[in-house]
Protein backbone atom coordinates (compact mmCIF):
# COMPACT_ATOMS: atom_id res chain seq x y z
CA MET A 1 27.25 29.70 38.72
CA ARG A 2 27.81 27.87 42.02
CA ARG A 3 25.15 29.73 43.62
CA PHE A 4 22.72 28.76 40.81
CA GLY A 5 23.73 25.08 41.36
CA TYR A 6 22.97 25.39 45.06
CA PHE A 7 19.50 26.93 44.32
CA LEU A 8 18.85 24.25 41.82
CA LEU A 9 19.74 21.52 44.30
CA VAL A 10 17.73 22.99 47.16
CA PHE A 11 14.60 23.36 44.94
CA ALA A 12 14.99 20.02 43.39
CA VAL A 13 15.48 18.35 46.82
CA ASN A 14 12.45 20.08 48.09
CA ALA A 15 10.48 19.08 45.03
CA CYS A 16 11.36 15.38 44.98
CA SER A 17 11.86 14.63 48.69
CA SER A 18 8.21 15.17 49.63
CA ARG A 19 5.69 12.74 48.25
CA PRO A 20 4.93 14.29 44.82
CA THR A 21 1.45 14.68 43.33
CA LEU A 22 1.69 13.38 39.81
CA SER A 23 0.71 15.77 37.10
CA GLU A 24 -2.46 15.30 35.20
CA GLN A 25 -0.53 14.27 32.17
CA SER A 26 1.82 11.82 33.88
CA PRO A 27 0.78 8.32 34.34
CA PRO A 28 0.92 6.85 37.81
CA ALA A 29 3.71 4.60 38.92
CA SER A 30 2.64 0.92 38.86
CA SER A 31 4.06 -2.33 40.11
CA SER A 32 3.26 -4.27 36.96
CA ILE A 33 5.88 -5.04 34.37
CA VAL A 34 5.84 -2.56 31.52
CA GLU A 35 7.51 -2.92 28.09
CA PRO A 36 9.92 -0.14 27.41
CA GLU A 37 8.12 1.25 24.34
CA ASP A 38 4.71 1.19 26.21
CA LEU A 39 6.26 2.93 28.96
CA PHE A 40 7.73 5.78 26.93
CA LYS A 41 4.47 6.13 25.02
CA ARG A 42 2.78 7.19 28.27
CA TYR A 43 4.89 10.37 28.35
CA THR A 44 4.56 13.48 26.25
CA TYR A 45 7.61 15.01 24.44
CA PHE A 46 7.43 17.76 27.00
CA GLU A 47 7.57 15.41 30.01
CA LEU A 48 10.53 13.49 28.58
CA PHE A 49 12.31 16.71 27.73
CA ALA A 50 11.71 17.99 31.21
CA ALA A 51 13.05 14.88 32.80
CA GLY A 52 16.06 14.98 30.50
CA GLU A 53 16.83 18.65 31.57
CA LEU A 54 16.26 17.71 35.29
CA LEU A 55 18.70 14.83 35.04
CA ASP A 56 21.30 16.84 33.21
CA GLN A 57 21.20 19.62 35.81
CA LEU A 58 21.13 17.46 38.87
CA ALA A 59 23.63 14.85 37.53
CA GLN A 60 26.65 17.30 37.69
CA PRO A 61 29.18 15.50 39.97
CA PRO A 62 29.31 18.20 42.78
CA ILE A 63 25.59 18.16 43.11
CA GLN A 64 24.80 14.55 42.37
CA ALA A 65 25.72 12.74 45.58
CA GLU A 66 24.17 15.33 47.85
CA ALA A 67 20.96 15.39 45.66
CA GLU A 68 20.58 11.60 45.70
CA ARG A 69 20.98 11.46 49.48
CA ALA A 70 18.50 14.25 50.26
CA MET A 71 15.99 13.09 47.55
CA GLY A 72 16.18 9.44 47.96
CA CYS A 73 15.82 9.46 44.13
CA ARG A 74 18.61 8.22 42.11
CA ILE A 75 20.22 10.77 39.80
CA LEU A 76 21.15 9.01 36.69
CA PRO A 77 24.41 10.23 35.07
CA ASP A 78 23.70 8.14 31.92
CA THR A 79 20.64 9.44 30.23
CA ARG A 80 21.31 7.90 26.61
CA ILE A 81 18.20 5.84 26.53
CA LEU A 82 16.06 8.83 27.64
CA LYS A 83 17.79 11.20 25.06
CA THR A 84 17.04 8.61 22.33
CA LYS A 85 13.34 8.66 23.18
CA ILE A 86 13.33 12.39 23.42
CA GLU A 87 14.67 12.56 19.91
CA ARG A 88 12.02 10.14 18.62
CA SER A 89 9.32 12.16 20.31
CA ALA A 90 10.72 15.46 19.10
CA ASP A 91 10.51 14.15 15.45
CA THR A 92 6.75 13.58 15.96
CA GLU A 93 6.41 17.18 17.40
CA ARG A 94 8.57 18.66 14.49
CA LEU A 95 6.41 16.91 11.94
CA ALA A 96 3.11 18.20 13.62
CA TYR A 97 4.66 21.67 13.50
CA GLN A 98 5.67 21.44 9.84
CA GLU A 99 2.30 20.24 8.92
CA ASN A 100 0.52 23.30 10.35
CA PRO A 101 2.75 25.85 12.31
CA ILE A 102 -0.10 28.11 13.08
CA LYS A 103 -2.30 25.32 14.63
CA TYR A 104 0.67 23.86 16.36
CA GLN A 105 1.58 27.11 18.05
CA ARG A 106 -2.00 27.52 19.19
CA SER A 107 -2.38 24.00 20.48
CA ARG A 108 1.05 23.95 22.28
CA GLY A 109 0.47 27.51 23.81
CA PHE A 110 3.58 29.36 22.70
CA ASP A 111 2.26 32.39 24.53
CA GLN A 112 2.10 30.42 27.75
CA CYS A 113 5.34 28.64 27.49
CA VAL A 114 7.03 30.32 30.41
CA PRO A 115 4.46 29.49 33.10
CA ASN A 116 4.10 25.97 31.61
CA CYS A 117 7.87 25.44 31.52
CA VAL A 118 8.10 24.43 27.92
CA CYS A 119 9.75 27.30 26.14
CA VAL A 120 13.15 25.41 25.84
CA ALA A 121 11.38 22.36 24.57
CA LEU A 122 9.36 24.28 21.97
CA SER A 123 12.43 26.27 20.84
CA ALA A 124 14.29 22.98 20.41
CA ILE A 125 11.51 21.77 18.02
CA LEU A 126 11.50 24.91 15.91
CA LYS A 127 15.29 25.09 15.74
CA GLN A 128 15.19 21.79 13.89
CA VAL A 129 12.99 23.20 11.08
CA SER A 130 14.49 25.22 8.35
CA VAL A 131 12.68 28.40 7.22
CA ASN A 132 13.11 27.08 3.61
CA PHE A 133 10.76 24.23 4.42
CA PHE A 134 7.86 26.43 4.18
CA GLN A 135 6.57 27.46 0.77
CA GLY A 136 4.82 30.78 1.32
CA PRO A 137 6.31 33.98 2.69
CA GLU A 138 3.49 34.12 5.39
CA LEU A 139 4.50 30.82 6.87
CA ARG A 140 8.27 31.66 6.68
CA ALA A 141 7.57 34.93 8.51
CA ALA A 142 5.49 33.15 11.05
CA HIS A 143 8.17 30.63 11.68
CA ARG A 144 10.79 33.25 12.07
CA GLY A 145 8.59 35.18 14.38
CA TYR A 146 7.69 32.10 16.49
CA LEU A 147 11.44 31.11 16.78
CA ARG A 148 12.50 34.58 17.82
CA LYS A 149 9.70 34.97 20.61
CA LEU A 150 10.57 31.54 21.92
CA GLU A 151 14.36 32.29 22.02
CA ILE A 152 13.65 35.48 23.80
CA LYS A 153 11.34 33.89 26.36
CA THR A 154 13.98 31.21 26.92
CA LEU A 155 16.74 33.73 27.50
CA ARG A 156 14.65 35.92 29.66
CA GLN A 157 13.66 33.11 31.91
CA SER A 158 15.08 34.04 35.30
CA SER A 159 16.55 31.70 37.87
CA GLN A 160 13.38 32.22 39.70
CA GLY A 161 11.41 30.88 36.74
CA LEU A 162 13.90 27.96 36.32
CA ARG A 163 13.52 26.95 39.97
CA SER A 164 9.66 27.12 39.65
CA CYS A 165 10.01 24.80 36.60
CA ILE A 166 12.11 22.35 38.58
CA GLU A 167 9.63 22.30 41.34
CA ARG A 168 7.01 21.15 38.94
CA GLN A 169 8.99 18.14 38.02
CA THR A 170 7.89 16.26 41.23
CA TRP A 171 6.21 13.60 39.13
CA PHE A 172 9.63 12.21 38.04
CA CYS A 173 10.87 10.79 41.38
CA GLU A 174 7.87 8.50 41.69
CA SER A 175 7.42 7.64 38.03
CA ASP A 176 7.84 4.33 36.18
CA LEU A 177 10.08 6.31 33.93
CA ARG A 178 12.70 6.92 36.53
CA GLU A 179 12.31 3.26 37.80
CA TYR A 180 13.05 1.99 34.27
CA LEU A 181 15.96 4.26 33.70
CA ALA A 182 17.52 3.37 37.11
CA LYS A 183 17.25 -0.33 36.22
CA SER A 184 18.62 0.24 32.73
CA THR A 185 21.62 2.12 34.06
CA VAL A 186 22.52 -0.55 36.67
CA GLU A 187 22.24 -3.38 34.10
């Protein structure tokens, strides 16, 4: 487990210490004052979830101080504000899934969740939905199948895959989201 933490730190430091290129979905950092609700609306559920996972992994006390020094990017131990926003965003995703699970799985790319680093986030959405919500046996079977496949993909994801996902979160260190969370934690 220590070795995993070390690898996680090394890759996170490498990912955030260089000037990151923001992902196409992530809004650029700006110097203007942004209202918190407007700020959080800029980010998808998957980006918020990824930021929360990144902070949870890097905020562990033995790793935190070293990571902050190397990254020049504050690792926030208190992620309550972010977790609240993730839950709200997850509710929207869950409702979209419940409305049309087949369309949702196609639009969110369940088959490509490993390379897109969203298997855990998708699995979290589906786990919130009871199989009994669906009326027909086809939708119930589809739900069970989607959930089972996502859980397997999540479990199979190797430490190499996890490192790759962390490397993709370079947008966070330069984002308005991190700035806002850092200011909120200090206040």
